[in-house]
Amino acid sequence: MNILSIDTLVLAVILFGINFIAVLFIRTEDRLWLPTLTLWIVLLAIFLIIRSFNSNRVDYEQMNYELSQQTKDQKADQEWNLNQAKATASQQNNKLFVLLGCQTMFCLFFHAIGFAGTNKNYYKTSTVTFFLLSVAFLLIEILT
């Protein structure tokens, strides 16, 4: 399934649903902390892997384009492939970054609720951390 074919808002709602269901099914006092943080780590890993893959794919297309000894028509096709690879990579990276930012805000929300309910130190630390990460995400989104 292509991530670009699904609207970002739909993916964010699905992500919130996964968080909410995971919080409902875990019955320890870590229930607001553990599933949201685990999902955030998984999304971060997916983001880094896909970003690396996209970068390698664009580099490959760029090298292919620069080293080819073909006619003008074939060169134009390779240039189109290069531009498509760059556009697709950029769209995928942006969408995954937005989803990671949404998960960061979901973590902030759930961890703040956990801190208010339990007053545990790890909820306090994670709430501050995810608050700072949320501010950084919002600044990056506003500035770019």
Foldseek 3Di string as FASTA:
>chain_A
DDPVVDDLVVVLVVVLVQLVVQLVVDDDLCSLPPPLVVVLVVLVVVLVVLLVVLVVVLVVLVVCLVPDDDDPVVSVVSVVVNVVSVVSSVSVNVSSLVSSLSSLVSSLVSLVVSCVVPVDPVSVVSNVVSVVVNVVSVVVVVVD
